[in-house]
C-alpha atoms as a PDB file:
ATOM      1  CA  MET A   1       0.000   0.000   0.000  1.00  0.00           C
ATOM      2  CA  ASN A   2       1.643   3.245  -1.072  1.00  0.00           C
ATOM      3  CA  THR A   3       2.462   6.170   1.170  1.00  0.00           C
ATOM      4  CA  ARG A   4       0.173   8.585  -0.644  1.00  0.00           C
ATOM      5  CA  ARG A   5      -2.865   6.359  -0.207  1.00  0.00           C
ATOM      6  CA  ASN A   6      -2.062   5.850   3.479  1.00  0.00           C
ATOM      7  CA  LEU A   7      -1.883   9.615   3.914  1.00  0.00           C
ATOM      8  CA  ILE A   8      -5.136  10.282   2.055  1.00  0.00           C
ATOM      9  CA  GLY A   9      -6.859   7.396   3.796  1.00  0.00           C
ATOM     10  CA  GLY A  10      -6.118   9.035   7.150  1.00  0.00           C
ATOM     11  CA  LEU A  11      -7.639  12.377   6.206  1.00  0.00           C
ATOM     12  CA  GLY A  12     -11.100  13.384   7.318  1.00  0.00           C
ATOM     13  CA  ALA A  13     -14.009  13.279   4.890  1.00  0.00           C
ATOM     14  CA  GLY A  14     -14.216  17.060   4.779  1.00  0.00           C
ATOM     15  CA  VAL A  15     -10.574  17.456   3.769  1.00  0.00           C
ATOM     16  CA  LEU A  16     -10.986  14.766   1.127  1.00  0.00           C
ATOM     17  CA  GLY A  17     -13.955  16.597  -0.316  1.00  0.00           C
ATOM     18  CA  LEU A  18     -12.080  19.891  -0.536  1.00  0.00           C
ATOM     19  CA  ALA A  19      -9.073  18.228  -2.154  1.00  0.00           C
ATOM     20  CA  ALA A  20     -11.307  16.509  -4.689  1.00  0.00           C
ATOM     21  CA  LEU A  21     -13.120  19.697  -5.643  1.00  0.00           C
ATOM     22  CA  GLY A  22      -9.869  21.608  -6.029  1.00  0.00           C
ATOM     23  CA  SER A  23      -8.262  18.992  -8.237  1.00  0.00           C
ATOM     24  CA  LEU A  24     -10.945  19.353 -10.924  1.00  0.00           C
ATOM     25  CA  GLY A  25      -9.887  22.869 -11.804  1.00  0.00           C
ATOM     26  CA  ALA A  26      -6.165  22.284 -11.273  1.00  0.00           C
ATOM     27  CA  ALA A  27      -6.124  19.358 -13.679  1.00  0.00           C
ATOM     28  CA  ALA A  28      -7.287  21.464 -16.630  1.00  0.00           C
ATOM     29  CA  GLU A  29      -4.453  23.933 -16.002  1.00  0.00           C
ATOM     30  CA  ARG A  30      -1.907  21.117 -15.768  1.00  0.00           C
ATOM     31  CA  ARG A  31      -3.128  19.490 -19.003  1.00  0.00           C
ATOM     32  CA  PRO A  32      -3.775  22.310 -21.515  1.00  0.00           C
ATOM     33  CA  ASN A  33      -4.554  19.817 -24.315  1.00  0.00           C
ATOM     34  CA  VAL A  34      -7.591  18.395 -22.504  1.00  0.00           C
ATOM     35  CA  ARG A  35     -10.594  18.453 -24.839  1.00  0.00           C
ATOM     36  CA  GLN A  36     -13.449  19.606 -22.675  1.00  0.00           C
ATOM     37  CA  GLY A  37     -16.947  18.130 -22.548  1.00  0.00           C
ATOM     38  CA  ASP A  38     -17.904  21.151 -20.450  1.00  0.00           C
ATOM     39  CA  ASP A  39     -15.651  23.555 -18.551  1.00  0.00           C
ATOM     40  CA  ARG A  40     -14.317  20.758 -16.318  1.00  0.00           C
ATOM     41  CA  PHE A  41     -14.339  17.423 -18.126  1.00  0.00           C
ATOM     42  CA  PRO A  42     -12.976  15.934 -21.370  1.00  0.00           C
ATOM     43  CA  ASN A  43     -15.381  14.247 -23.748  1.00  0.00           C
ATOM     44  CA  PRO A  44     -13.359  11.588 -25.601  1.00  0.00           C
ATOM     45  CA  THR A  45     -14.803   8.488 -27.199  1.00  0.00           C
ATOM     46  CA  LEU A  46     -14.230   5.423 -25.021  1.00  0.00           C
ATOM     47  CA  VAL A  47     -15.112   1.748 -25.473  1.00  0.00           C
ATOM     48  CA  THR A  48     -16.878  -0.313 -22.816  1.00  0.00           C
ATOM     49  CA  HIS A  49     -16.098  -3.910 -21.886  1.00  0.00           C
ATOM     50  CA  LEU A  50     -19.048  -4.858 -24.114  1.00  0.00           C
ATOM     51  CA  GLY A  51     -17.514  -3.078 -27.105  1.00  0.00           C
ATOM     52  CA  ARG A  52     -19.946  -0.147 -27.044  1.00  0.00           C
ATOM     53  CA  LYS A  53     -18.559   3.258 -28.060  1.00  0.00           C
ATOM     54  CA  VAL A  54     -19.472   6.080 -25.675  1.00  0.00           C
ATOM     55  CA  ARG A  55     -18.572   9.719 -25.128  1.00  0.00           C
ATOM     56  CA  PHE A  56     -17.215  10.264 -21.633  1.00  0.00           C
ATOM     57  CA  TYR A  57     -19.069  13.435 -20.729  1.00  0.00           C
ATOM     58  CA  ASP A  58     -22.118  13.199 -22.981  1.00  0.00           C
ATOM     59  CA  ASP A  59     -22.959   9.536 -22.336  1.00  0.00           C
ATOM     60  CA  LEU A  60     -21.407   8.625 -18.991  1.00  0.00           C
ATOM     61  CA  LEU A  61     -21.223  11.725 -16.851  1.00  0.00           C
ATOM     62  CA  ARG A  62     -23.764  14.376 -17.794  1.00  0.00           C
ATOM     63  CA  GLY A  63     -26.799  14.476 -15.542  1.00  0.00           C
ATOM     64  CA  LYS A  64     -25.680  11.546 -13.380  1.00  0.00           C
ATOM     65  CA  VAL A  65     -24.360  10.530  -9.982  1.00  0.00           C
ATOM     66  CA  VAL A  66     -21.211   8.544 -10.661  1.00  0.00           C
ATOM     67  CA  VAL A  67     -18.603   6.420  -8.930  1.00  0.00           C
ATOM     68  CA  LEU A  68     -15.273   6.222 -10.782  1.00  0.00           C
ATOM     69  CA  ASN A  69     -11.986   4.456 -10.194  1.00  0.00           C
ATOM     70  CA  MET A  70      -8.919   3.540 -12.229  1.00  0.00           C
ATOM     71  CA  MET A  71      -7.482   0.046 -12.577  1.00  0.00           C
ATOM     72  CA  TYR A  72      -5.814  -2.310 -15.027  1.00  0.00           C
ATOM     73  CA  ALA A  73      -6.597  -5.924 -15.743  1.00  0.00           C
ATOM     74  CA  SER A  74      -3.081  -7.254 -15.120  1.00  0.00           C
ATOM     75  CA  CYS A  75      -2.754  -5.551 -11.732  1.00  0.00           C
ATOM     76  CA  GLY A  76      -2.132  -8.251  -9.148  1.00  0.00           C
ATOM     77  CA  ARG A  77      -1.851  -6.110  -6.055  1.00  0.00           C
ATOM     78  CA  ASN A  78      -4.273  -3.251  -5.396  1.00  0.00           C
ATOM     79  CA  CYS A  79      -6.849  -3.591  -8.160  1.00  0.00           C
ATOM     80  CA  PRO A  80      -8.349  -6.999  -7.267  1.00  0.00           C
ATOM     81  CA  THR A  81      -8.792  -5.972  -3.631  1.00  0.00           C
ATOM     82  CA  ALA A  82     -10.276  -2.608  -4.554  1.00  0.00           C
ATOM     83  CA  THR A  83     -12.595  -4.232  -7.105  1.00  0.00           C
ATOM     84  CA  ALA A  84     -13.826  -6.780  -4.570  1.00  0.00           C
ATOM     85  CA  ASN A  85     -14.496  -3.963  -2.115  1.00  0.00           C
ATOM     86  CA  LEU A  86     -16.399  -1.922  -4.681  1.00  0.00           C
ATOM     87  CA  ARG A  87     -18.370  -5.036  -5.615  1.00  0.00           C
ATOM     88  CA  LYS A  88     -19.638  -5.043  -2.017  1.00  0.00           C
ATOM     89  CA  VAL A  89     -20.652  -1.413  -2.467  1.00  0.00           C
ATOM     90  CA  GLN A  90     -22.497  -2.331  -5.659  1.00  0.00           C
ATOM     91  CA  ARG A  91     -24.451  -4.997  -3.786  1.00  0.00           C
ATOM     92  CA  MET A  92     -25.296  -2.513  -1.026  1.00  0.00           C
ATOM     93  CA  LEU A  93     -26.611  -0.034  -3.581  1.00  0.00           C
ATOM     94  CA  GLY A  94     -28.863  -2.706  -5.054  1.00  0.00           C
ATOM     95  CA  GLU A  95     -31.272  -1.479  -7.743  1.00  0.00           C
ATOM     96  CA  ARG A  96     -29.911   2.069  -7.506  1.00  0.00           C
ATOM     97  CA  VAL A  97     -26.930   0.969  -9.645  1.00  0.00           C
ATOM     98  CA  GLY A  98     -27.698   1.633 -13.300  1.00  0.00           C
ATOM     99  CA  ARG A  99     -30.757   3.693 -12.354  1.00  0.00           C
ATOM    100  CA  ASP A 100     -29.647   6.385  -9.872  1.00  0.00           C
ATOM    101  CA  ILE A 101     -25.928   5.600  -9.510  1.00  0.00           C
ATOM    102  CA  PHE A 102     -23.524   4.695 -12.306  1.00  0.00           C
ATOM    103  CA  MET A 103     -20.178   2.992 -11.690  1.00  0.00           C
ATOM    104  CA  TYR A 104     -17.208   3.261 -14.071  1.00  0.00           C
ATOM    105  CA  SER A 105     -13.738   1.737 -13.989  1.00  0.00           C
ATOM    106  CA  ILE A 106     -11.191   3.177 -16.419  1.00  0.00           C
ATOM    107  CA  THR A 107      -8.106   1.205 -17.374  1.00  0.00           C
ATOM    108  CA  LEU A 108      -4.675   2.714 -16.791  1.00  0.00           C
ATOM    109  CA  GLN A 109      -3.257   0.469 -19.537  1.00  0.00           C
ATOM    110  CA  PRO A 110      -5.451   1.104 -22.582  1.00  0.00           C
ATOM    111  CA  GLU A 111      -2.708  -0.123 -24.895  1.00  0.00           C
ATOM    112  CA  LEU A 112      -3.065  -3.568 -23.278  1.00  0.00           C
ATOM    113  CA  ASP A 113      -6.628  -3.666 -21.917  1.00  0.00           C
ATOM    114  CA  GLN A 114      -8.914  -4.169 -24.897  1.00  0.00           C
ATOM    115  CA  PRO A 115     -12.667  -4.731 -24.372  1.00  0.00           C
ATOM    116  CA  ARG A 116     -12.247  -8.517 -24.293  1.00  0.00           C
ATOM    117  CA  HIS A 117      -9.680  -8.249 -21.484  1.00  0.00           C
ATOM    118  CA  LEU A 118     -12.012  -6.008 -19.527  1.00  0.00           C
ATOM    119  CA  GLN A 119     -14.893  -8.433 -20.138  1.00  0.00           C
ATOM    120  CA  GLU A 120     -12.757 -11.225 -18.694  1.00  0.00           C
ATOM    121  CA  TYR A 121     -12.107  -9.039 -15.655  1.00  0.00           C
ATOM    122  CA  VAL A 122     -15.823  -8.319 -15.280  1.00  0.00           C
ATOM    123  CA  ASP A 123     -16.605 -12.037 -15.458  1.00  0.00           C
ATOM    124  CA  LYS A 124     -13.883 -12.881 -12.950  1.00  0.00           C
ATOM    125  CA  PHE A 125     -15.278 -10.525 -10.320  1.00  0.00           C
ATOM    126  CA  ASP A 126     -18.952 -11.141 -11.135  1.00  0.00           C
ATOM    127  CA  ILE A 127     -19.562  -7.458 -11.808  1.00  0.00           C
ATOM    128  CA  GLY A 128     -23.272  -6.700 -12.050  1.00  0.00           C
ATOM    129  CA  PRO A 129     -25.180  -4.366 -14.417  1.00  0.00           C
ATOM    130  CA  GLY A 130     -24.690  -0.630 -14.056  1.00  0.00           C
ATOM    131  CA  TRP A 131     -20.905  -0.874 -13.685  1.00  0.00           C
ATOM    132  CA  GLU A 132     -18.980  -0.381 -16.929  1.00  0.00           C
ATOM    133  CA  TYR A 133     -15.285  -0.932 -17.622  1.00  0.00           C
ATOM    134  CA  LEU A 134     -13.710   1.439 -20.110  1.00  0.00           C
ATOM    135  CA  THR A 135     -10.714   1.683 -22.412  1.00  0.00           C
ATOM    136  CA  GLY A 136      -9.725   4.083 -25.174  1.00  0.00           C
ATOM    137  CA  ASP A 137      -6.921   6.029 -26.775  1.00  0.00           C
ATOM    138  CA  PRO A 138      -3.912   6.280 -24.388  1.00  0.00           C
ATOM    139  CA  GLN A 139      -3.758  10.087 -24.621  1.00  0.00           C
ATOM    140  CA  ASP A 140      -7.480  10.352 -23.921  1.00  0.00           C
ATOM    141  CA  ILE A 141      -7.097   8.118 -20.866  1.00  0.00           C
ATOM    142  CA  LEU A 142      -4.194  10.265 -19.657  1.00  0.00           C
ATOM    143  CA  ASP A 143      -6.291  13.409 -20.091  1.00  0.00           C
ATOM    144  CA  LEU A 144      -9.113  11.811 -18.130  1.00  0.00           C
ATOM    145  CA  ARG A 145      -6.774  10.749 -15.347  1.00  0.00           C
ATOM    146  CA  TYR A 146      -5.633  14.330 -14.844  1.00  0.00           C
ATOM    147  CA  ALA A 147      -9.069  15.875 -15.268  1.00  0.00           C
ATOM    148  CA  LEU A 148     -10.540  13.506 -12.668  1.00  0.00           C
ATOM    149  CA  GLY A 149      -7.747  14.154 -10.178  1.00  0.00           C
ATOM    150  CA  PHE A 150      -6.059  10.737 -10.307  1.00  0.00           C
ATOM    151  CA  TYR A 151      -2.537  12.164 -10.294  1.00  0.00           C
ATOM    152  CA  ASP A 152       0.249  13.205  -7.959  1.00  0.00           C
ATOM    153  CA  VAL A 153       2.205  16.451  -8.166  1.00  0.00           C
ATOM    154  CA  ASP A 154       5.440  14.486  -7.649  1.00  0.00           C
ATOM    155  CA  PRO A 155       6.419  13.131 -11.110  1.00  0.00           C
ATOM    156  CA  LEU A 156       8.128  10.086  -9.581  1.00  0.00           C
ATOM    157  CA  VAL A 157       5.023   9.142  -7.629  1.00  0.00           C
ATOM    158  CA  ASP A 158       2.771   9.999 -10.571  1.00  0.00           C
ATOM    159  CA  GLY A 159       4.725   7.599 -12.784  1.00  0.00           C
ATOM    160  CA  ASN A 160       3.764   4.646 -10.551  1.00  0.00           C
ATOM    161  CA  GLN A 161       0.421   3.297 -11.759  1.00  0.00           C
ATOM    162  CA  LEU A 162      -0.401   1.840  -8.358  1.00  0.00           C
ATOM    163  CA  THR A 163      -0.687   5.348  -6.927  1.00  0.00           C
ATOM    164  CA  HIS A 164      -3.778   5.904  -9.078  1.00  0.00           C
ATOM    165  CA  THR A 165      -5.688   2.757  -8.106  1.00  0.00           C
ATOM    166  CA  GLY A 166      -6.279   3.529  -4.435  1.00  0.00           C
ATOM    167  CA  MET A 167      -8.983   6.182  -4.628  1.00  0.00           C
ATOM    168  CA  VAL A 168     -12.578   6.422  -5.803  1.00  0.00           C
ATOM    169  CA  ARG A 169     -14.026   9.661  -7.163  1.00  0.00           C
ATOM    170  CA  ILE A 170     -17.711  10.150  -6.428  1.00  0.00           C
ATOM    171  CA  GLY A 171     -19.736  12.942  -7.947  1.00  0.00           C
ATOM    172  CA  ASN A 172     -23.112  14.426  -8.713  1.00  0.00           C
ATOM    173  CA  GLU A 173     -22.500  16.130 -12.052  1.00  0.00           C
ATOM    174  CA  PRO A 174     -25.767  18.135 -12.275  1.00  0.00           C
ATOM    175  CA  ILE A 175     -25.120  20.011  -9.032  1.00  0.00           C
ATOM    176  CA  GLY A 176     -21.312  19.907  -9.154  1.00  0.00           C
ATOM    177  CA  ARG A 177     -20.874  18.061  -5.867  1.00  0.00           C
ATOM    178  CA  TRP A 178     -17.724  15.882  -5.763  1.00  0.00           C
ATOM    179  CA  THR A 179     -15.696  13.986  -3.215  1.00  0.00           C
ATOM    180  CA  MET A 180     -13.198  11.116  -2.991  1.00  0.00           C
ATOM    181  CA  SER A 181     -12.916   8.010  -0.856  1.00  0.00           C
ATOM    182  CA  PRO A 182     -10.151   5.434  -0.393  1.00  0.00           C
ATOM    183  CA  ALA A 183     -11.023   2.339  -2.403  1.00  0.00           C
ATOM    184  CA  LEU A 184     -10.040   0.057   0.461  1.00  0.00           C
ATOM    185  CA  THR A 185     -11.980   1.760   3.235  1.00  0.00           C
ATOM    186  CA  ASP A 186     -15.040   0.018   4.692  1.00  0.00           C
ATOM    187  CA  PRO A 187     -17.757  -0.365   2.037  1.00  0.00           C
ATOM    188  CA  GLU A 188     -20.152   1.414   4.404  1.00  0.00           C
ATOM    189  CA  HIS A 189     -17.925   4.509   4.273  1.00  0.00           C
ATOM    190  CA  ILE A 190     -17.941   4.532   0.468  1.00  0.00           C
ATOM    191  CA  LEU A 191     -21.720   4.119   0.507  1.00  0.00           C
ATOM    192  CA  ALA A 192     -22.028   7.042   2.916  1.00  0.00           C
ATOM    193  CA  ALA A 193     -19.932   9.205   0.557  1.00  0.00           C
ATOM    194  CA  ILE A 194     -22.194   8.257  -2.361  1.00  0.00           C
ATOM    195  CA  ASN A 195     -25.304   9.108  -0.366  1.00  0.00           C
ATOM    196  CA  HIS A 196     -23.718  12.407   0.660  1.00  0.00           C
ATOM    197  CA  VAL A 197     -23.416  13.621  -2.936  1.00  0.00           C
ATOM    198  CA  ASP A 198     -26.781  12.185  -4.042  1.00  0.00           C
ATOM    199  CA  HIS A 199     -29.287  14.926  -3.219  1.00  0.00           C
ATOM    200  CA  ARG A 200     -32.162  12.462  -3.618  1.00  0.00           C
ATOM    201  CA  VAL A 201     -31.128  10.554  -0.534  1.00  0.00           C
ATOM    202  CA  GLN A 202     -32.147  11.706   2.910  1.00  0.00           C
ATOM    203  CA  LEU A 203     -29.039  11.332   5.052  1.00  0.00           C
ATOM    204  CA  THR A 204     -31.116  10.112   7.976  1.00  0.00           C
ATOM    205  CA  GLY A 205     -32.959   6.861   7.868  1.00  0.00           C
ATOM    206  CA  TRP A 206     -31.332   5.248   4.802  1.00  0.00           C
ATOM    207  CA  GLN A 207     -30.679   1.571   5.177  1.00  0.00           C
ATOM    208  CA  VAL A 208     -27.670  -0.422   4.089  1.00  0.00           C
ATOM    209  CA  GLU A 209     -28.296  -3.694   2.303  1.00  0.00           C
ATOM    210  CA  GLN A 210     -25.651  -6.148   3.479  1.00  0.00           C
ATOM    211  CA  PRO A 211     -23.929  -8.155   0.750  1.00  0.00           C
ATOM    212  CA  GLY A 212     -25.108 -11.719   0.461  1.00  0.00           C
END
């Protein structure tokens, strides 16, 4: 587990939220060639694990509450554990996934992870509907990584792909509410962060469906 993720994992939820909001604007300045879907997000064409072509902002982000992380199919350390943890979150969300909440995992190795490799990964972890795995042009993926805040200001740390697999970005695009959560924290904490950005959920009285 890398030092950066340990540090972020120890921060309070409020600090995480502020850091996440700030990174959205900073990323566009750092990557001047980002092609914007609106004033914050790129809008490249990506390909899902089912081979469907989608536009990142137009089709996946606009008007939705989303949960995003980065991974790669050959990762044998952090990604499988993070995926298993997020699978528990998906079960807790139940029918909200694909209806109210949309989950996306973007590969860090698009030159290797073609749709069939991502489909194999989906099958391996029994990923349910409403959670799409995405690949695309390497430069587009790099632009997305920066725009979504999955980067480190230290170039040496930023060059290590494992530093980008330990966090989950959670956002409500219509109202511009964003936060982050460690991918390996308790699933209940990730669920609470999702409910916090989803204005349709009353923060008192919601029930957690335990994974079967």
